[in-house]
All heavy atoms as atom14 arrays in JSON, in Angstrom:
{
  "sequence": "GGVVVSALLGIDFWTGALATVILTGLYTVVGGMRAVVYTETL",
  "atom14_mask": [
    [1, 1, 1, 1, 0, 0, 0, 0, 0, 0, 0, 0, 0, 0],
    [1, 1, 1, 1, 0, 0, 0, 0, 0, 0, 0, 0, 0, 0],
    [1, 1, 1, 1, 1, 1, 1, 0, 0, 0, 0, 0, 0, 0],
    [1, 1, 1, 1, 1, 1, 1, 0, 0, 0, 0, 0, 0, 0],
    [1, 1, 1, 1, 1, 1, 1, 0, 0, 0, 0, 0, 0, 0],
    [1, 1, 1, 1, 1, 1, 0, 0, 0, 0, 0, 0, 0, 0],
    [1, 1, 1, 1, 1, 0, 0, 0, 0, 0, 0, 0, 0, 0],
    [1, 1, 1, 1, 1, 1, 1, 1, 0, 0, 0, 0, 0, 0],
    [1, 1, 1, 1, 1, 1, 1, 1, 0, 0, 0, 0, 0, 0],
    [1, 1, 1, 1, 0, 0, 0, 0, 0, 0, 0, 0, 0, 0],
    [1, 1, 1, 1, 1, 1, 1, 1, 0, 0, 0, 0, 0, 0],
    [1, 1, 1, 1, 1, 1, 1, 1, 0, 0, 0, 0, 0, 0],
    [1, 1, 1, 1, 1, 1, 1, 1, 1, 1, 1, 0, 0, 0],
    [1, 1, 1, 1, 1, 1, 1, 1, 1, 1, 1, 1, 1, 1],
    [1, 1, 1, 1, 1, 1, 1, 0, 0, 0, 0, 0, 0, 0],
    [1, 1, 1, 1, 0, 0, 0, 0, 0, 0, 0, 0, 0, 0],
    [1, 1, 1, 1, 1, 0, 0, 0, 0, 0, 0, 0, 0, 0],
    [1, 1, 1, 1, 1, 1, 1, 1, 0, 0, 0, 0, 0, 0],
    [1, 1, 1, 1, 1, 0, 0, 0, 0, 0, 0, 0, 0, 0],
    [1, 1, 1, 1, 1, 1, 1, 0, 0, 0, 0, 0, 0, 0],
    [1, 1, 1, 1, 1, 1, 1, 0, 0, 0, 0, 0, 0, 0],
    [1, 1, 1, 1, 1, 1, 1, 1, 0, 0, 0, 0, 0, 0],
    [1, 1, 1, 1, 1, 1, 1, 1, 0, 0, 0, 0, 0, 0],
    [1, 1, 1, 1, 1, 1, 1, 0, 0, 0, 0, 0, 0, 0],
    [1, 1, 1, 1, 0, 0, 0, 0, 0, 0, 0, 0, 0, 0],
    [1, 1, 1, 1, 1, 1, 1, 1, 0, 0, 0, 0, 0, 0],
    [1, 1, 1, 1, 1, 1, 1, 1, 1, 1, 1, 1, 0, 0],
    [1, 1, 1, 1, 1, 1, 1, 0, 0, 0, 0, 0, 0, 0],
    [1, 1, 1, 1, 1, 1, 1, 0, 0, 0, 0, 0, 0, 0],
    [1, 1, 1, 1, 1, 1, 1, 0, 0, 0, 0, 0, 0, 0],
    [1, 1, 1, 1, 0, 0, 0, 0, 0, 0, 0, 0, 0, 0],
    [1, 1, 1, 1, 0, 0, 0, 0, 0, 0, 0, 0, 0, 0],
    [1, 1, 1, 1, 1, 1, 1, 1, 0, 0, 0, 0, 0, 0],
    [1, 1, 1, 1, 1, 1, 1, 1, 1, 1, 1, 0, 0, 0],
    [1, 1, 1, 1, 1, 0, 0, 0, 0, 0, 0, 0, 0, 0],
    [1, 1, 1, 1, 1, 1, 1, 0, 0, 0, 0, 0, 0, 0],
    [1, 1, 1, 1, 1, 1, 1, 0, 0, 0, 0, 0, 0, 0],
    [1, 1, 1, 1, 1, 1, 1, 1, 1, 1, 1, 1, 0, 0],
    [1, 1, 1, 1, 1, 1, 1, 0, 0, 0, 0, 0, 0, 0],
    [1, 1, 1, 1, 1, 1, 1, 1, 1, 0, 0, 0, 0, 0],
    [1, 1, 1, 1, 1, 1, 1, 0, 0, 0, 0, 0, 0, 0],
    [1, 1, 1, 1, 1, 1, 1, 1, 0, 0, 0, 0, 0, 0]
  ],
  "atom14_positions": [
    [[3.64, 31.94, -16.94], [2.52, 32.77, -16.44], [1.22, 32.11, -16.84], [0.26, 32.05, -15.99], [0.0, 0.0, 0.0], [0.0, 0.0, 0.0], [0.0, 0.0, 0.0], [0.0, 0.0, 0.0], [0.0, 0.0, 0.0], [0.0, 0.0, 0.0], [0.0, 0.0, 0.0], [0.0, 0.0, 0.0], [0.0, 0.0, 0.0], [0.0, 0.0, 0.0]],
    [[1.11, 31.6, -18.04], [-0.08, 30.91, -18.49], [-0.38, 29.71, -17.61], [-1.53, 29.52, -17.21], [0.0, 0.0, 0.0], [0.0, 0.0, 0.0], [0.0, 0.0, 0.0], [0.0, 0.0, 0.0], [0.0, 0.0, 0.0], [0.0, 0.0, 0.0], [0.0, 0.0, 0.0], [0.0, 0.0, 0.0], [0.0, 0.0, 0.0], [0.0, 0.0, 0.0]],
    [[0.66, 28.96, -17.28], [0.42, 27.81, -16.37], [-0.19, 28.23, -15.03], [-1.11, 27.68, -14.55], [1.76, 27.02, -16.2], [1.57, 25.93, -15.16], [2.25, 26.44, -17.46], [0.0, 0.0, 0.0], [0.0, 0.0, 0.0], [0.0, 0.0, 0.0], [0.0, 0.0, 0.0], [0.0, 0.0, 0.0], [0.0, 0.0, 0.0], [0.0, 0.0, 0.0]],
    [[0.52, 29.23, -14.45], [0.09, 29.73, -13.12], [-1.27, 30.26, -13.16], [-2.15, 29.91, -12.37], [1.09, 30.79, -12.59], [0.55, 31.45, -11.33], [2.49, 30.17, -12.33], [0.0, 0.0, 0.0], [0.0, 0.0, 0.0], [0.0, 0.0, 0.0], [0.0, 0.0, 0.0], [0.0, 0.0, 0.0], [0.0, 0.0, 0.0], [0.0, 0.0, 0.0]],
    [[-1.54, 31.18, -14.1], [-2.83, 31.84, -14.15], [-3.91, 30.86, -14.43], [-4.98, 30.87, -13.76], [-2.83, 32.95, -15.24], [-4.21, 33.55, -15.38], [-1.86, 34.02, -14.9], [0.0, 0.0, 0.0], [0.0, 0.0, 0.0], [0.0, 0.0, 0.0], [0.0, 0.0, 0.0], [0.0, 0.0, 0.0], [0.0, 0.0, 0.0], [0.0, 0.0, 0.0]],
    [[-3.73, 29.93, -15.36], [-4.87, 28.98, -15.65], [-5.07, 28.07, -14.47], [-6.19, 27.72, -14.2], [-4.56, 28.23, -16.93], [-3.32, 27.48, -16.8], [0.0, 0.0, 0.0], [0.0, 0.0, 0.0], [0.0, 0.0, 0.0], [0.0, 0.0, 0.0], [0.0, 0.0, 0.0], [0.0, 0.0, 0.0], [0.0, 0.0, 0.0], [0.0, 0.0, 0.0]],
    [[-3.97, 27.69, -13.73], [-4.13, 26.78, -12.58], [-4.89, 27.5, -11.44], [-5.75, 26.95, -10.77], [-2.83, 26.26, -12.12], [0.0, 0.0, 0.0], [0.0, 0.0, 0.0], [0.0, 0.0, 0.0], [0.0, 0.0, 0.0], [0.0, 0.0, 0.0], [0.0, 0.0, 0.0], [0.0, 0.0, 0.0], [0.0, 0.0, 0.0], [0.0, 0.0, 0.0]],
    [[-4.62, 28.79, -11.26], [-5.13, 29.5, -10.09], [-6.51, 30.02, -10.36], [-7.42, 29.87, -9.54], [-4.25, 30.73, -9.8], [-2.89, 30.41, -9.27], [-2.2, 31.74, -9.02], [-3.05, 29.67, -7.98], [0.0, 0.0, 0.0], [0.0, 0.0, 0.0], [0.0, 0.0, 0.0], [0.0, 0.0, 0.0], [0.0, 0.0, 0.0], [0.0, 0.0, 0.0]],
    [[-6.74, 30.61, -11.52], [-7.99, 31.27, -11.75], [-9.01, 30.37, -12.5], [-10.14, 30.71, -12.68], [-7.84, 32.59, -12.54], [-6.69, 33.49, -12.03], [-6.68, 34.77, -12.83], [-6.91, 33.86, -10.59], [0.0, 0.0, 0.0], [0.0, 0.0, 0.0], [0.0, 0.0, 0.0], [0.0, 0.0, 0.0], [0.0, 0.0, 0.0], [0.0, 0.0, 0.0]],
    [[-8.51, 29.13, -12.87], [-9.38, 28.22, -13.48], [-9.81, 28.68, -14.89], [-10.93, 28.36, -15.33], [0.0, 0.0, 0.0], [0.0, 0.0, 0.0], [0.0, 0.0, 0.0], [0.0, 0.0, 0.0], [0.0, 0.0, 0.0], [0.0, 0.0, 0.0], [0.0, 0.0, 0.0], [0.0, 0.0, 0.0], [0.0, 0.0, 0.0], [0.0, 0.0, 0.0]],
    [[-9.0, 29.44, -15.58], [-9.32, 29.89, -16.96], [-8.41, 29.19, -17.91], [-7.41, 28.56, -17.49], [-9.26, 31.38, -17.22], [-7.92, 31.9, -16.7], [-10.41, 32.08, -16.54], [-7.67, 33.4, -16.86], [0.0, 0.0, 0.0], [0.0, 0.0, 0.0], [0.0, 0.0, 0.0], [0.0, 0.0, 0.0], [0.0, 0.0, 0.0], [0.0, 0.0, 0.0]],
    [[-8.7, 29.28, -19.23], [-7.83, 28.54, -20.14], [-6.44, 29.19, -20.33], [-6.34, 30.39, -20.08], [-8.59, 28.23, -21.47], [-8.1, 28.98, -22.64], [-6.93, 29.27, -22.76], [-8.95, 29.3, -23.5], [0.0, 0.0, 0.0], [0.0, 0.0, 0.0], [0.0, 0.0, 0.0], [0.0, 0.0, 0.0], [0.0, 0.0, 0.0], [0.0, 0.0, 0.0]],
    [[-5.42, 28.36, -20.68], [-4.04, 28.78, -20.73], [-3.82, 30.06, -21.6], [-3.13, 30.99, -21.14], [-3.2, 27.63, -21.27], [-1.79, 28.01, -21.57], [-0.86, 28.14, -20.57], [-1.41, 28.24, -22.91], [0.43, 28.52, -20.88], [-0.08, 28.56, -23.18], [0.85, 28.73, -22.16], [0.0, 0.0, 0.0], [0.0, 0.0, 0.0], [0.0, 0.0, 0.0]],
    [[-4.4, 30.09, -22.76], [-4.1, 31.25, -23.62], [-4.71, 32.54, -23.15], [-4.06, 33.55, -23.26], [-4.57, 30.94, -25.09], [-3.62, 30.06, -25.77], [-3.7, 28.72, -26.0], [-2.34, 30.44, -26.33], [-2.6, 28.25, -26.64], [-1.76, 29.3, -26.84], [-1.64, 31.62, -26.38], [-0.45, 29.26, -27.47], [-0.37, 31.65, -26.98], [0.21, 30.47, -27.5]],
    [[-5.89, 32.42, -22.58], [-6.53, 33.65, -22.02], [-5.63, 34.24, -20.97], [-5.35, 35.4, -20.89], [-7.91, 33.35, -21.38], [-8.54, 32.36, -22.16], [-8.78, 34.52, -21.32], [0.0, 0.0, 0.0], [0.0, 0.0, 0.0], [0.0, 0.0, 0.0], [0.0, 0.0, 0.0], [0.0, 0.0, 0.0], [0.0, 0.0, 0.0], [0.0, 0.0, 0.0]],
    [[-5.14, 33.35, -20.05], [-4.27, 33.74, -18.95], [-2.99, 34.35, -19.46], [-2.58, 35.46, -18.95], [0.0, 0.0, 0.0], [0.0, 0.0, 0.0], [0.0, 0.0, 0.0], [0.0, 0.0, 0.0], [0.0, 0.0, 0.0], [0.0, 0.0, 0.0], [0.0, 0.0, 0.0], [0.0, 0.0, 0.0], [0.0, 0.0, 0.0], [0.0, 0.0, 0.0]],
    [[-2.37, 33.75, -20.4], [-1.09, 34.26, -20.91], [-1.29, 35.65, -21.52], [-0.53, 36.56, -21.3], [-0.48, 33.29, -21.91], [0.0, 0.0, 0.0], [0.0, 0.0, 0.0], [0.0, 0.0, 0.0], [0.0, 0.0, 0.0], [0.0, 0.0, 0.0], [0.0, 0.0, 0.0], [0.0, 0.0, 0.0], [0.0, 0.0, 0.0], [0.0, 0.0, 0.0]],
    [[-2.31, 35.74, -22.4], [-2.52, 37.03, -23.1], [-2.86, 38.18, -22.14], [-2.36, 39.28, -22.27], [-3.55, 36.87, -24.2], [-3.16, 36.03, -25.41], [-4.31, 35.78, -26.35], [-2.0, 36.78, -26.13], [0.0, 0.0, 0.0], [0.0, 0.0, 0.0], [0.0, 0.0, 0.0], [0.0, 0.0, 0.0], [0.0, 0.0, 0.0], [0.0, 0.0, 0.0]],
    [[-3.73, 37.86, -21.17], [-4.13, 38.92, -20.23], [-2.96, 39.51, -19.5], [-2.79, 40.72, -19.4], [-5.16, 38.38, -19.24], [0.0, 0.0, 0.0], [0.0, 0.0, 0.0], [0.0, 0.0, 0.0], [0.0, 0.0, 0.0], [0.0, 0.0, 0.0], [0.0, 0.0, 0.0], [0.0, 0.0, 0.0], [0.0, 0.0, 0.0], [0.0, 0.0, 0.0]],
    [[-2.1, 38.58, -18.99], [-0.94, 39.1, -18.22], [0.0, 39.92, -19.05], [0.46, 40.95, -18.63], [-0.11, 37.95, -17.61], [-0.35, 36.78, -18.42], [-0.5, 37.63, -16.21], [0.0, 0.0, 0.0], [0.0, 0.0, 0.0], [0.0, 0.0, 0.0], [0.0, 0.0, 0.0], [0.0, 0.0, 0.0], [0.0, 0.0, 0.0], [0.0, 0.0, 0.0]],
    [[0.2, 39.48, -20.27], [1.14, 40.17, -21.19], [0.69, 41.59, -21.47], [1.35, 42.56, -21.39], [1.29, 39.4, -22.51], [2.11, 40.23, -23.49], [1.93, 38.09, -22.28], [0.0, 0.0, 0.0], [0.0, 0.0, 0.0], [0.0, 0.0, 0.0], [0.0, 0.0, 0.0], [0.0, 0.0, 0.0], [0.0, 0.0, 0.0], [0.0, 0.0, 0.0]],
    [[-0.64, 41.66, -21.79], [-1.16, 42.99, -22.21], [-1.17, 43.96, -20.99], [-0.73, 45.07, -21.19], [-2.58, 42.77, -22.81], [-2.5, 42.05, -24.13], [-3.25, 44.14, -23.06], [-3.77, 41.41, -24.65], [0.0, 0.0, 0.0], [0.0, 0.0, 0.0], [0.0, 0.0, 0.0], [0.0, 0.0, 0.0], [0.0, 0.0, 0.0], [0.0, 0.0, 0.0]],
    [[-1.54, 43.45, -19.87], [-1.58, 44.28, -18.71], [-0.19, 44.84, -18.33], [0.05, 46.0, -18.1], [-2.1, 43.47, -17.52], [-2.68, 44.29, -16.35], [-3.93, 44.97, -16.86], [-3.08, 43.36, -15.2], [0.0, 0.0, 0.0], [0.0, 0.0, 0.0], [0.0, 0.0, 0.0], [0.0, 0.0, 0.0], [0.0, 0.0, 0.0], [0.0, 0.0, 0.0]],
    [[0.78, 43.86, -18.36], [2.2, 44.26, -18.04], [2.72, 45.26, -19.07], [3.36, 46.2, -18.75], [3.1, 43.04, -18.0], [2.47, 42.01, -17.31], [4.4, 43.33, -17.39], [0.0, 0.0, 0.0], [0.0, 0.0, 0.0], [0.0, 0.0, 0.0], [0.0, 0.0, 0.0], [0.0, 0.0, 0.0], [0.0, 0.0, 0.0], [0.0, 0.0, 0.0]],
    [[2.49, 44.89, -20.34], [2.97, 45.77, -21.44], [2.54, 47.2, -21.19], [3.27, 48.12, -21.33], [0.0, 0.0, 0.0], [0.0, 0.0, 0.0], [0.0, 0.0, 0.0], [0.0, 0.0, 0.0], [0.0, 0.0, 0.0], [0.0, 0.0, 0.0], [0.0, 0.0, 0.0], [0.0, 0.0, 0.0], [0.0, 0.0, 0.0], [0.0, 0.0, 0.0]],
    [[1.23, 47.38, -20.78], [0.68, 48.68, -20.56], [1.46, 49.51, -19.58], [1.92, 50.61, -19.84], [-0.79, 48.6, -20.05], [-1.8, 48.51, -21.16], [-3.2, 48.29, -20.59], [-1.79, 49.76, -22.06], [0.0, 0.0, 0.0], [0.0, 0.0, 0.0], [0.0, 0.0, 0.0], [0.0, 0.0, 0.0], [0.0, 0.0, 0.0], [0.0, 0.0, 0.0]],
    [[1.71, 48.9, -18.33], [2.38, 49.77, -17.32], [3.85, 49.98, -17.64], [4.4, 51.01, -17.25], [2.02, 49.36, -15.93], [2.86, 48.33, -15.18], [4.1, 48.59, -14.68], [2.32, 47.06, -14.95], [4.81, 47.65, -13.96], [3.02, 46.11, -14.25], [4.24, 46.41, -13.73], [4.93, 45.49, -13.06], [0.0, 0.0, 0.0], [0.0, 0.0, 0.0]],
    [[4.49, 49.07, -18.4], [5.88, 49.26, -18.76], [5.97, 50.35, -19.78], [6.87, 51.23, -19.69], [6.48, 48.02, -19.35], [6.08, 46.89, -18.59], [7.98, 48.09, -19.34], [0.0, 0.0, 0.0], [0.0, 0.0, 0.0], [0.0, 0.0, 0.0], [0.0, 0.0, 0.0], [0.0, 0.0, 0.0], [0.0, 0.0, 0.0], [0.0, 0.0, 0.0]],
    [[5.14, 50.33, -20.77], [5.14, 51.34, -21.85], [4.93, 52.74, -21.29], [5.68, 53.65, -21.56], [4.03, 51.02, -22.9], [3.94, 52.22, -23.88], [4.36, 49.78, -23.68], [0.0, 0.0, 0.0], [0.0, 0.0, 0.0], [0.0, 0.0, 0.0], [0.0, 0.0, 0.0], [0.0, 0.0, 0.0], [0.0, 0.0, 0.0], [0.0, 0.0, 0.0]],
    [[4.01, 52.83, -20.35], [3.72, 54.22, -19.86], [4.71, 54.64, -18.78], [5.18, 55.81, -18.81], [2.28, 54.19, -19.27], [1.93, 55.57, -18.81], [1.27, 53.79, -20.32], [0.0, 0.0, 0.0], [0.0, 0.0, 0.0], [0.0, 0.0, 0.0], [0.0, 0.0, 0.0], [0.0, 0.0, 0.0], [0.0, 0.0, 0.0], [0.0, 0.0, 0.0]],
    [[5.11, 53.73, -17.87], [5.85, 54.18, -16.71], [7.36, 54.13, -16.73], [8.05, 54.72, -15.99], [0.0, 0.0, 0.0], [0.0, 0.0, 0.0], [0.0, 0.0, 0.0], [0.0, 0.0, 0.0], [0.0, 0.0, 0.0], [0.0, 0.0, 0.0], [0.0, 0.0, 0.0], [0.0, 0.0, 0.0], [0.0, 0.0, 0.0], [0.0, 0.0, 0.0]],
    [[7.9, 53.29, -17.66], [9.33, 53.19, -17.8], [9.98, 52.5, -16.62], [9.31, 51.87, -15.8], [0.0, 0.0, 0.0], [0.0, 0.0, 0.0], [0.0, 0.0, 0.0], [0.0, 0.0, 0.0], [0.0, 0.0, 0.0], [0.0, 0.0, 0.0], [0.0, 0.0, 0.0], [0.0, 0.0, 0.0], [0.0, 0.0, 0.0], [0.0, 0.0, 0.0]],
    [[11.3, 52.74, -16.46], [12.11, 52.0, -15.48], [11.64, 52.28, -14.06], [11.66, 51.42, -13.17], [13.54, 52.34, -15.66], [14.47, 51.59, -14.76], [14.5, 49.84, -15.15], [15.82, 49.29, -14.06], [0.0, 0.0, 0.0], [0.0, 0.0, 0.0], [0.0, 0.0, 0.0], [0.0, 0.0, 0.0], [0.0, 0.0, 0.0], [0.0, 0.0, 0.0]],
    [[11.23, 53.49, -13.76], [10.92, 53.83, -12.4], [9.73, 53.05, -11.92], [9.64, 52.52, -10.81], [10.69, 55.34, -12.21], [10.53, 55.74, -10.77], [10.54, 57.27, -10.63], [11.9, 57.75, -10.93], [12.16, 59.07, -11.12], [11.19, 59.94, -10.98], [13.38, 59.52, -11.39], [0.0, 0.0, 0.0], [0.0, 0.0, 0.0], [0.0, 0.0, 0.0]],
    [[8.7, 52.94, -12.81], [7.49, 52.16, -12.5], [7.94, 50.72, -12.25], [7.48, 50.05, -11.27], [6.53, 52.2, -13.7], [0.0, 0.0, 0.0], [0.0, 0.0, 0.0], [0.0, 0.0, 0.0], [0.0, 0.0, 0.0], [0.0, 0.0, 0.0], [0.0, 0.0, 0.0], [0.0, 0.0, 0.0], [0.0, 0.0, 0.0], [0.0, 0.0, 0.0]],
    [[8.9, 50.19, -13.04], [9.33, 48.84, -12.88], [10.04, 48.59, -11.54], [9.72, 47.71, -10.77], [10.29, 48.43, -14.12], [10.84, 47.09, -13.81], [9.52, 48.45, -15.41], [0.0, 0.0, 0.0], [0.0, 0.0, 0.0], [0.0, 0.0, 0.0], [0.0, 0.0, 0.0], [0.0, 0.0, 0.0], [0.0, 0.0, 0.0], [0.0, 0.0, 0.0]],
    [[11.01, 49.51, -11.17], [11.77, 49.3, -10.01], [10.94, 49.33, -8.67], [11.04, 48.49, -7.83], [12.88, 50.38, -9.88], [13.69, 50.17, -8.59], [13.84, 50.22, -11.06], [0.0, 0.0, 0.0], [0.0, 0.0, 0.0], [0.0, 0.0, 0.0], [0.0, 0.0, 0.0], [0.0, 0.0, 0.0], [0.0, 0.0, 0.0], [0.0, 0.0, 0.0]],
    [[10.04, 50.33, -8.61], [9.29, 50.49, -7.39], [8.21, 49.38, -7.25], [7.98, 48.88, -6.16], [8.7, 51.84, -7.23], [9.78, 52.86, -6.85], [10.4, 53.62, -7.8], [10.21, 52.93, -5.48], [11.43, 54.54, -7.38], [11.21, 53.8, -5.11], [11.81, 54.65, -6.05], [12.82, 55.46, -5.69], [0.0, 0.0, 0.0], [0.0, 0.0, 0.0]],
    [[7.54, 49.02, -8.34], [6.5, 47.99, -8.21], [7.24, 46.68, -7.91], [6.75, 45.83, -7.13], [5.7, 47.8, -9.51], [6.56, 47.83, -10.64], [4.72, 48.99, -9.71], [0.0, 0.0, 0.0], [0.0, 0.0, 0.0], [0.0, 0.0, 0.0], [0.0, 0.0, 0.0], [0.0, 0.0, 0.0], [0.0, 0.0, 0.0], [0.0, 0.0, 0.0]],
    [[8.46, 46.5, -8.39], [9.16, 45.24, -8.16], [9.47, 45.07, -6.64], [9.48, 43.97, -6.11], [10.53, 45.22, -8.86], [10.39, 44.57, -10.21], [11.73, 44.64, -10.97], [12.63, 45.28, -10.54], [11.74, 43.98, -12.02], [0.0, 0.0, 0.0], [0.0, 0.0, 0.0], [0.0, 0.0, 0.0], [0.0, 0.0, 0.0], [0.0, 0.0, 0.0]],
    [[9.82, 46.19, -5.99], [10.12, 46.1, -4.57], [8.96, 45.53, -3.79], [9.1, 44.62, -2.98], [10.5, 47.48, -4.05], [11.48, 48.06, -4.88], [11.02, 47.42, -2.63], [0.0, 0.0, 0.0], [0.0, 0.0, 0.0], [0.0, 0.0, 0.0], [0.0, 0.0, 0.0], [0.0, 0.0, 0.0], [0.0, 0.0, 0.0], [0.0, 0.0, 0.0]],
    [[7.78, 46.05, -4.09], [6.53, 45.54, -3.46], [6.29, 44.07, -3.75], [6.01, 43.24, -2.92], [5.29, 46.36, -3.88], [3.98, 45.94, -3.39], [3.85, 46.13, -1.86], [2.83, 46.62, -4.07], [0.0, 0.0, 0.0], [0.0, 0.0, 0.0], [0.0, 0.0, 0.0], [0.0, 0.0, 0.0], [0.0, 0.0, 0.0], [0.0, 0.0, 0.0]]
  ]
}
């Protein structure tokens, strides 16, 4: 994720990696499996 994000958005590797982790962690913690399954389909 860090590789992809830093290559695409032109930001440094660690910023990219941390941002994605924190964002994902948030919706998994709150929404559980159902949030995971339906967002995955999209």
